[in-house]
């Protein structure tokens, strides 16, 4: 999978020795810039925008997000609790399958509760009735599968064959929408406007008969709208037209776009050797700190790296393969020309690591978690938000 992110921005001038290693560093100024773009789209299109906590749930910056967006979307009880404690605005909760014991609190905390299938919605009718009788106010949505695949990688494509995510739209019937206020779909991943437009063209004939009764449509996430070359004017015109045509409130749920290029992961070279090529072991682990590197897979951009395709044998800055300290043979980050000596003690940083990295970290093999720092590139204020101790590891595995 090829990512189009990796703009160093103000991090090009950040002194990597100012923080621990390993460490996530989030730039509040870049975060605000991304949020301003999203708010501008929201205002011009006349829609609502929710931040997807599954991608970026650094609640220390929740007040910043609240200044710009309409709320957050959550993926279950624990994220809904986090939203209630720290975030402002609406809360939309979707889970592929709810547990009965979690649902009462989810209904209390959420403004919109989205079910994966009409069958699940019907099965929880008693719990919904009890919550409303107790005075809880929420509406119900159903996630649909547009049955139109645009994803590059099947494991990231909710419309891949036999996907469990969403109710196949060609099975949707009028009776499935009794008591339902809106429909939700999410089928994109780091993509431009054209895939969204094609998805809507495939989806609309199936749901057009229900436009008069639906109150909202949620177009999910995966929209790379804060990338500089995204077709924002086309998106705004499209959203305006959909809102007019359907009579519905329209929602977007960006995750990556909120924190795109707003964070780095700082690391240190621990050891080097040779086995057919230059090798280096670092204190950053792909499997523990950047699992999408293995799962997607993709190669994260490095701050200050030199182009691999311009290297010729005999030149300086030969490529080095960077890997983590874990025992997993596949804990390999990628091959890089680092643009500086690769030796024990060398600091380096991977770009665009605020989203889908912090939220996915693990302590497999006892590898320590990176600390978390908040930097403001406009003021140069730097704060250590969180350090993780051995006790955190001990208590997690009991």
Protein backbone atom coordinates (compact mmCIF):
# COMPACT_ATOMS: atom_id res chain seq x y z
CA UNK A 1 0.00 0.00 0.00
CA UNK A 2 1.43 3.37 -1.01
CA UNK A 3 0.69 6.28 1.30
CA UNK A 4 0.57 9.80 -0.08
CA UNK A 5 1.35 11.35 3.30
CA UNK A 6 4.79 12.19 4.66
CA UNK A 7 5.07 15.99 4.54
CA UNK A 8 7.62 16.91 7.23
CA UNK A 9 6.18 20.39 7.71
CA UNK A 10 7.59 22.09 10.79
CA UNK A 11 9.17 18.83 11.95
CA UNK A 12 11.95 19.51 9.43
CA UNK A 13 13.31 21.94 12.04
CA UNK A 14 12.51 19.97 15.20
CA UNK A 15 15.45 18.87 17.39
CA UNK A 16 14.85 15.14 17.90
CA UNK A 17 16.99 15.09 21.04
CA UNK A 18 14.42 17.22 22.90
CA UNK A 19 12.23 14.16 23.54
CA UNK A 20 12.59 10.60 24.77
CA UNK A 21 13.26 7.70 22.46
CA UNK A 22 11.02 6.21 21.32
CA UNK A 23 8.45 9.00 21.40
CA UNK A 24 5.39 10.19 19.52
CA UNK A 25 5.41 13.96 18.98
CA UNK A 26 2.20 15.68 17.84
CA UNK A 27 2.27 19.21 16.44
CA UNK A 28 -0.76 21.14 17.73
CA UNK A 29 -0.34 23.79 15.04
CA UNK A 30 -0.53 21.24 12.23
CA UNK A 31 -3.51 19.62 13.93
CA UNK A 32 -5.29 22.98 13.97
CA UNK A 33 -4.48 23.50 10.29
CA UNK A 34 -6.06 20.14 9.41
CA UNK A 35 -9.11 20.89 11.52
CA UNK A 36 -9.50 24.30 9.89
CA UNK A 37 -9.67 22.61 6.47
CA UNK A 38 -12.32 20.20 7.72
CA UNK A 39 -14.33 23.02 9.30
CA UNK A 40 -14.14 25.01 6.07
CA UNK A 41 -15.53 22.07 4.09
CA UNK A 42 -18.23 21.61 6.72
CA UNK A 43 -19.27 25.24 6.59
CA UNK A 44 -19.28 25.59 2.81
CA UNK A 45 -21.08 22.28 2.22
CA UNK A 46 -23.56 22.73 5.06
CA UNK A 47 -22.81 19.32 6.60
CA UNK A 48 -21.48 17.96 9.90
CA UNK A 49 -18.02 16.53 10.53
CA UNK A 50 -17.16 14.09 13.32
CA UNK A 51 -13.61 13.02 14.25
CA UNK A 52 -13.07 9.26 14.18
CA UNK A 53 -11.55 8.31 17.53
CA UNK A 54 -10.48 4.91 16.22
CA UNK A 55 -7.74 6.66 14.26
CA UNK A 56 -6.66 9.33 16.71
CA UNK A 57 -7.85 9.39 20.32
CA UNK A 58 -5.21 11.53 22.00
CA UNK A 59 -7.70 13.11 24.39
CA UNK A 60 -5.20 15.71 25.53
CA UNK A 61 -6.07 17.56 22.31
CA UNK A 62 -9.84 17.01 22.58
CA UNK A 63 -10.43 20.72 23.37
CA UNK A 64 -8.67 21.65 20.11
CA UNK A 65 -10.85 19.24 18.11
CA UNK A 66 -13.93 20.62 19.85
CA UNK A 67 -13.11 24.13 18.63
CA UNK A 68 -13.54 23.04 15.00
CA UNK A 69 -15.69 19.92 14.56
CA UNK A 70 -19.21 18.82 15.48
CA UNK A 71 -18.24 15.88 17.67
CA UNK A 72 -16.73 12.41 17.42
CA UNK A 73 -17.59 8.92 16.26
CA UNK A 74 -16.76 5.96 18.47
CA UNK A 75 -16.45 2.22 17.99
CA UNK A 76 -17.95 0.86 21.18
CA UNK A 77 -18.36 1.37 24.89
CA UNK A 78 -14.83 2.34 25.86
CA UNK A 79 -14.44 4.95 23.13
CA UNK A 80 -17.92 6.27 23.95
CA UNK A 81 -16.84 6.67 27.58
CA UNK A 82 -13.71 8.51 26.48
CA UNK A 83 -15.83 10.76 24.28
CA UNK A 84 -18.21 11.53 27.15
CA UNK A 85 -15.36 12.39 29.51
CA UNK A 86 -13.19 14.53 27.25
CA UNK A 87 -14.85 15.51 23.95
CA UNK A 88 -17.62 17.94 23.11
CA UNK A 89 -20.42 17.78 20.55
CA UNK A 90 -22.30 14.83 19.11
CA UNK A 91 -21.32 11.21 19.67
CA UNK A 92 -22.07 8.64 16.98
CA UNK A 93 -21.32 5.04 17.94
CA UNK A 94 -20.98 2.15 15.51
CA UNK A 95 -19.87 -1.37 16.39
CA UNK A 96 -19.95 -4.46 14.20
CA UNK A 97 -21.75 -6.25 17.04
CA UNK A 98 -22.80 -4.94 20.44
CA UNK A 99 -22.85 -6.88 23.67
CA UNK A 100 -26.19 -6.69 25.47
CA UNK A 101 -24.52 -5.69 28.74
CA UNK A 102 -22.76 -2.73 27.05
CA UNK A 103 -25.72 -1.35 25.20
CA UNK A 104 -27.53 0.54 28.00
CA UNK A 105 -24.49 2.72 28.68
CA UNK A 106 -23.79 3.17 24.96
CA UNK A 107 -27.37 4.36 24.51
CA UNK A 108 -26.93 6.81 27.38
CA UNK A 109 -23.68 8.24 26.01
CA UNK A 110 -24.46 8.38 22.29
CA UNK A 111 -26.60 10.65 20.12
CA UNK A 112 -26.58 8.16 17.24
CA UNK A 113 -26.30 4.39 17.68
CA UNK A 114 -25.55 2.57 14.45
CA UNK A 115 -26.20 -1.15 14.05
CA UNK A 116 -24.37 -3.36 11.59
CA UNK A 117 -27.52 -5.23 10.52
CA UNK A 118 -31.29 -4.81 10.77
CA UNK A 119 -31.37 -8.16 12.60
CA UNK A 120 -29.21 -6.82 15.40
CA UNK A 121 -31.39 -3.71 15.62
CA UNK A 122 -34.52 -5.85 15.93
CA UNK A 123 -32.94 -8.16 18.49
CA UNK A 124 -32.15 -5.25 20.81
CA UNK A 125 -35.62 -3.70 20.60
CA UNK A 126 -36.32 -4.33 24.33
CA UNK A 127 -33.10 -2.60 25.37
CA UNK A 128 -33.86 0.37 23.10
CA UNK A 129 -37.39 0.68 24.49
CA UNK A 130 -36.15 0.50 28.07
CA UNK A 131 -33.55 3.20 27.47
CA UNK A 132 -36.12 5.54 25.90
CA UNK A 133 -38.54 4.89 28.75
CA UNK A 134 -35.74 5.91 31.13
CA UNK A 135 -35.43 9.23 29.29
CA UNK A 136 -32.42 8.58 27.07
CA UNK A 137 -32.43 10.47 23.75
CA UNK A 138 -30.75 8.85 20.76
CA UNK A 139 -31.56 7.84 17.23
CA UNK A 140 -30.78 4.67 15.30
CA UNK A 141 -28.78 4.09 12.15
CA UNK A 142 -27.98 1.05 10.04
CA UNK A 143 -24.61 0.54 8.39
CA UNK A 144 -24.95 -0.60 4.79
CA UNK A 145 -22.44 -2.20 2.47
CA UNK A 146 -22.57 -0.38 -0.89
CA UNK A 147 -21.24 -3.53 -2.63
CA UNK A 148 -18.90 -1.29 -4.60
CA UNK A 149 -15.22 -1.93 -3.90
CA UNK A 150 -12.73 0.93 -4.22
CA UNK A 151 -10.03 -0.26 -1.80
CA UNK A 152 -6.49 -1.12 -2.86
CA UNK A 153 -5.98 -3.76 -0.15
CA UNK A 154 -8.75 -6.28 0.65
CA UNK A 155 -8.16 -6.30 4.42
CA UNK A 156 -8.83 -2.55 4.45
CA UNK A 157 -11.80 -2.72 2.10
CA UNK A 158 -15.21 -3.03 3.83
CA UNK A 159 -16.69 -3.86 0.42
CA UNK A 160 -14.40 -6.81 -0.24
CA UNK A 161 -16.19 -10.09 -0.99
CA UNK A 162 -17.87 -11.66 2.05
CA UNK A 163 -17.23 -8.57 4.20
CA UNK A 164 -18.91 -8.69 7.62
CA UNK A 165 -19.08 -4.88 7.79
CA UNK A 166 -22.44 -3.43 6.89
CA UNK A 167 -25.70 -4.87 5.59
CA UNK A 168 -25.57 -5.60 1.83
CA UNK A 169 -27.57 -2.78 0.31
CA UNK A 170 -29.19 -5.05 -2.27
CA UNK A 171 -30.92 -6.85 0.64
CA UNK A 172 -32.32 -3.66 2.19
CA UNK A 173 -36.12 -3.55 2.46
CA UNK A 174 -38.58 -0.96 3.71
CA UNK A 175 -39.31 -2.93 6.88
CA UNK A 176 -35.62 -2.78 7.82
CA UNK A 177 -35.91 0.98 8.22
CA UNK A 178 -38.71 1.02 10.77
CA UNK A 179 -37.44 3.10 13.67
CA UNK A 180 -34.27 3.99 11.74
CA UNK A 181 -33.24 7.64 11.25
CA UNK A 182 -30.17 7.25 9.06
CA UNK A 183 -27.87 5.09 6.98
CA UNK A 184 -24.12 4.85 7.38
CA UNK A 185 -21.52 3.56 4.96
CA UNK A 186 -17.74 3.56 5.10
CA UNK A 187 -15.80 2.10 2.21
CA UNK A 188 -12.76 4.33 1.55
CA UNK A 189 -9.17 4.35 2.83
CA UNK A 190 -6.81 7.30 2.23
CA UNK A 191 -8.61 8.12 -1.03
CA UNK A 192 -9.50 11.07 -3.23
CA UNK A 193 -12.91 12.38 -4.23
CA UNK A 194 -13.50 10.23 -7.34
CA UNK A 195 -13.91 6.93 -5.40
CA UNK A 196 -16.53 8.58 -3.20
CA UNK A 197 -18.40 9.87 -6.23
CA UNK A 198 -18.38 6.42 -7.86
CA UNK A 199 -19.51 4.77 -4.61
CA UNK A 200 -22.45 7.14 -4.31
CA UNK A 201 -23.43 6.50 -7.93
CA UNK A 202 -23.52 2.76 -7.21
CA UNK A 203 -25.34 3.17 -3.89
CA UNK A 204 -27.96 5.80 -4.70
CA UNK A 205 -30.35 3.64 -6.79
CA UNK A 206 -30.74 1.25 -3.85
CA UNK A 207 -31.56 3.87 -1.22
CA UNK A 208 -33.30 6.58 -3.28
CA UNK A 209 -36.77 5.16 -2.43
CA UNK A 210 -36.11 6.00 1.23
CA UNK A 211 -34.86 9.59 0.85
CA UNK A 212 -38.16 10.97 2.10
CA UNK A 213 -38.01 9.12 5.42
CA UNK A 214 -34.31 9.26 6.26
CA UNK A 215 -33.07 12.13 8.43
CA UNK A 216 -29.34 11.67 7.90
CA UNK A 217 -26.71 9.93 5.81
CA UNK A 218 -23.23 9.25 7.15
CA UNK A 219 -20.52 8.87 4.50
CA UNK A 220 -17.96 7.49 6.97
CA UNK A 221 -14.25 8.12 6.74
CA UNK A 222 -11.29 7.37 4.49
CA UNK A 223 -11.54 10.77 2.80
CA UNK A 224 -8.01 12.23 2.49
CA UNK A 225 -9.43 15.75 2.44
CA UNK A 226 -6.61 17.50 4.34
CA UNK A 227 -3.99 16.39 1.83
CA UNK A 228 -2.92 19.41 -0.23
CA UNK A 229 -3.95 17.91 -3.59
CA UNK A 230 -7.39 16.62 -2.55
CA UNK A 231 -10.24 17.86 -4.76
CA UNK A 232 -11.98 19.93 -2.06
CA UNK A 233 -14.09 22.13 -4.34
CA UNK A 234 -15.51 19.07 -6.06
CA UNK A 235 -16.25 17.48 -2.68
CA UNK A 236 -18.10 20.56 -1.44
CA UNK A 237 -20.22 20.80 -4.59
CA UNK A 238 -21.00 17.08 -4.36
CA UNK A 239 -22.04 17.26 -0.71
CA UNK A 240 -24.25 20.28 -1.39
CA UNK A 241 -25.96 18.40 -4.22
CA UNK A 242 -26.47 15.23 -2.15
CA UNK A 243 -27.94 17.22 0.73
CA UNK A 244 -30.36 18.98 -1.62
CA UNK A 245 -31.33 15.80 -3.44
CA UNK A 246 -31.88 13.63 -0.38
CA UNK A 247 -33.18 16.17 2.11
CA UNK A 248 -30.86 14.56 4.68
CA UNK A 249 -28.29 15.91 7.10
CA UNK A 250 -24.92 14.70 5.76
CA UNK A 251 -22.06 13.53 7.99
CA UNK A 252 -18.40 12.83 7.30
CA UNK A 253 -16.25 10.93 9.80
CA UNK A 254 -12.59 11.65 8.95
CA UNK A 255 -9.98 9.91 11.06
CA UNK A 256 -6.64 10.08 9.34
CA UNK A 257 -7.49 13.48 7.83
CA UNK A 258 -7.73 14.97 11.33
CA UNK A 259 -4.13 14.14 12.22
CA UNK A 260 -2.56 13.82 8.75
CA UNK A 261 1.15 14.68 8.93
CA UNK A 262 0.61 16.07 12.44
CA UNK A 263 2.91 13.66 14.27
CA UNK A 264 6.23 11.86 14.12
CA UNK A 265 7.69 8.82 15.87
CA UNK A 266 11.22 9.49 17.12
CA UNK A 267 13.65 6.60 17.51
CA UNK A 268 17.29 5.69 18.02
CA UNK A 269 19.64 3.27 16.27
CA UNK A 270 20.74 0.68 18.85
CA UNK A 271 23.08 -1.53 16.81
CA UNK A 272 24.30 -2.10 13.26
CA UNK A 273 25.77 -5.00 11.33
CA UNK A 274 26.04 -6.54 7.87
CA UNK A 275 24.26 -9.55 6.40
CA UNK A 276 24.30 -9.05 2.65
CA UNK A 277 23.31 -5.41 3.23
CA UNK A 278 23.54 -2.80 5.96
CA UNK A 279 21.25 -3.65 8.90
CA UNK A 280 20.26 -1.63 11.93
CA UNK A 281 18.23 -2.51 15.03
CA UNK A 282 16.28 0.41 16.48
CA UNK A 283 14.14 1.05 19.53
CA UNK A 284 11.13 1.48 17.22
CA UNK A 285 9.28 -1.74 16.49
CA UNK A 286 7.03 -2.10 13.46
CA UNK A 287 4.93 -4.77 15.14
CA UNK A 288 4.64 -2.91 18.47
CA UNK A 289 4.58 0.74 17.45
CA UNK A 290 3.56 0.93 13.77
CA UNK A 291 1.65 -2.30 13.07
CA UNK A 292 0.17 -0.99 9.81
CA UNK A 293 3.70 -1.20 8.38
CA UNK A 294 3.25 -4.97 8.53
CA UNK A 295 -0.52 -5.23 8.18
CA UNK A 296 -1.09 -2.90 5.20
CA UNK A 297 1.81 -3.24 4.38
CA UNK A 298 3.42 0.13 3.71
CA UNK A 299 6.73 1.94 4.07
CA UNK A 300 6.60 5.00 6.33
CA UNK A 301 8.46 8.09 5.16
CA UNK A 302 11.51 9.13 7.18
CA UNK A 303 12.46 12.66 8.12
CA UNK A 304 15.42 13.74 5.96
CA UNK A 305 15.78 10.48 4.01
CA UNK A 306 17.49 10.39 0.63
CA UNK A 307 15.84 8.76 -2.41
CA UNK A 308 16.53 5.04 -2.68
CA UNK A 309 16.18 5.03 -6.46
CA UNK A 310 19.02 7.54 -6.84
CA UNK A 311 21.60 5.39 -5.06
CA UNK A 312 24.50 3.87 -7.01
CA UNK A 313 26.99 1.33 -5.68
CA UNK A 314 30.05 2.95 -4.22
CA UNK A 315 28.29 6.13 -3.15
CA UNK A 316 27.89 7.24 0.44
CA UNK A 317 24.63 6.83 2.35
CA UNK A 318 24.10 3.24 1.26
CA UNK A 319 20.65 1.84 2.06
CA UNK A 320 20.17 0.30 5.48
CA UNK A 321 17.36 -2.04 6.51
CA UNK A 322 15.80 -0.86 9.77
CA UNK A 323 14.10 -3.28 12.13
CA UNK A 324 12.78 -3.36 15.65
CA UNK A 325 14.12 -4.91 18.86
CA UNK A 326 11.47 -7.66 19.11
CA UNK A 327 12.06 -11.35 18.41
CA UNK A 328 9.66 -11.32 15.42
CA UNK A 329 11.75 -11.98 12.29
CA UNK A 330 9.31 -9.87 10.30
CA UNK A 331 9.70 -6.84 12.58
CA UNK A 332 11.18 -4.91 9.66
CA UNK A 333 10.31 -1.28 8.99
CA UNK A 334 11.96 -0.85 5.60
CA UNK A 335 15.08 0.15 3.65
CA UNK A 336 16.31 3.74 3.93
CA UNK A 337 19.11 6.07 2.97
CA UNK A 338 19.11 8.00 6.20
CA UNK A 339 20.99 11.12 5.09
CA UNK A 340 23.15 10.88 8.22
CA UNK A 341 25.53 8.32 9.70
CA UNK A 342 23.69 5.16 10.73
CA UNK A 343 25.43 4.20 13.93
CA UNK A 344 24.44 3.42 17.52
CA UNK A 345 22.99 6.54 19.09
CA UNK A 346 21.74 8.13 15.86
CA UNK A 347 18.33 9.75 16.26
CA UNK A 348 15.77 9.62 13.42
CA UNK A 349 12.02 10.01 12.97
CA UNK A 350 9.23 8.52 10.87
CA UNK A 351 6.65 10.92 9.50
CA UNK A 352 2.84 10.89 9.68
CA UNK A 353 2.62 8.75 12.80
CA UNK A 354 -0.10 10.52 14.83
CA UNK A 355 -2.97 8.38 13.50
CA UNK A 356 -3.35 4.59 13.49
CA UNK A 357 -0.03 4.23 15.35
CA UNK A 358 -0.59 5.54 18.87
CA UNK A 359 -3.96 3.78 19.05
CA UNK A 360 -2.48 0.44 17.93
CA UNK A 361 0.64 0.14 20.06
CA UNK A 362 1.34 -3.03 22.03
CA UNK A 363 3.96 -4.25 24.51
CA UNK A 364 4.60 -7.56 22.73
CA UNK A 365 7.93 -9.03 23.78
CA UNK A 366 8.15 -6.47 26.58
CA UNK A 367 9.03 -3.73 24.11
CA UNK A 368 8.40 -0.39 25.87
CA UNK A 369 5.68 1.93 24.61
CA UNK A 370 6.78 5.31 23.18
CA UNK A 371 6.15 8.33 25.34
CA UNK A 372 3.70 10.93 24.00
CA UNK A 373 4.60 14.59 23.53
CA UNK A 374 2.65 17.66 22.41
CA UNK A 375 4.58 20.34 20.53
CA UNK A 376 3.28 23.60 19.09
CA UNK A 377 5.41 24.56 16.11
CA UNK A 378 4.08 28.13 16.24
CA UNK A 379 5.16 28.79 19.83
CA UNK A 380 7.77 26.00 20.23
CA UNK A 381 6.06 24.96 23.47
CA UNK A 382 6.83 21.30 24.21
CA UNK A 383 5.07 19.12 26.80
CA UNK A 384 5.47 15.49 27.78
CA UNK A 385 1.89 14.27 27.97
CA UNK A 386 2.53 10.65 28.95
CA UNK A 387 5.39 8.31 29.81
CA UNK A 388 4.77 4.57 30.19
CA UNK A 389 6.50 2.58 32.90
CA UNK A 390 7.35 -1.05 33.50
CA UNK A 391 4.37 -1.10 35.85
CA UNK A 392 2.08 -0.31 32.91
CA UNK A 393 3.39 -3.43 31.17
CA UNK A 394 3.15 -5.54 34.33
CA UNK A 395 -0.38 -4.48 35.17
CA UNK A 396 -1.61 -5.02 31.62
CA UNK A 397 -0.61 -8.67 31.50
CA UNK A 398 -1.44 -9.30 35.20
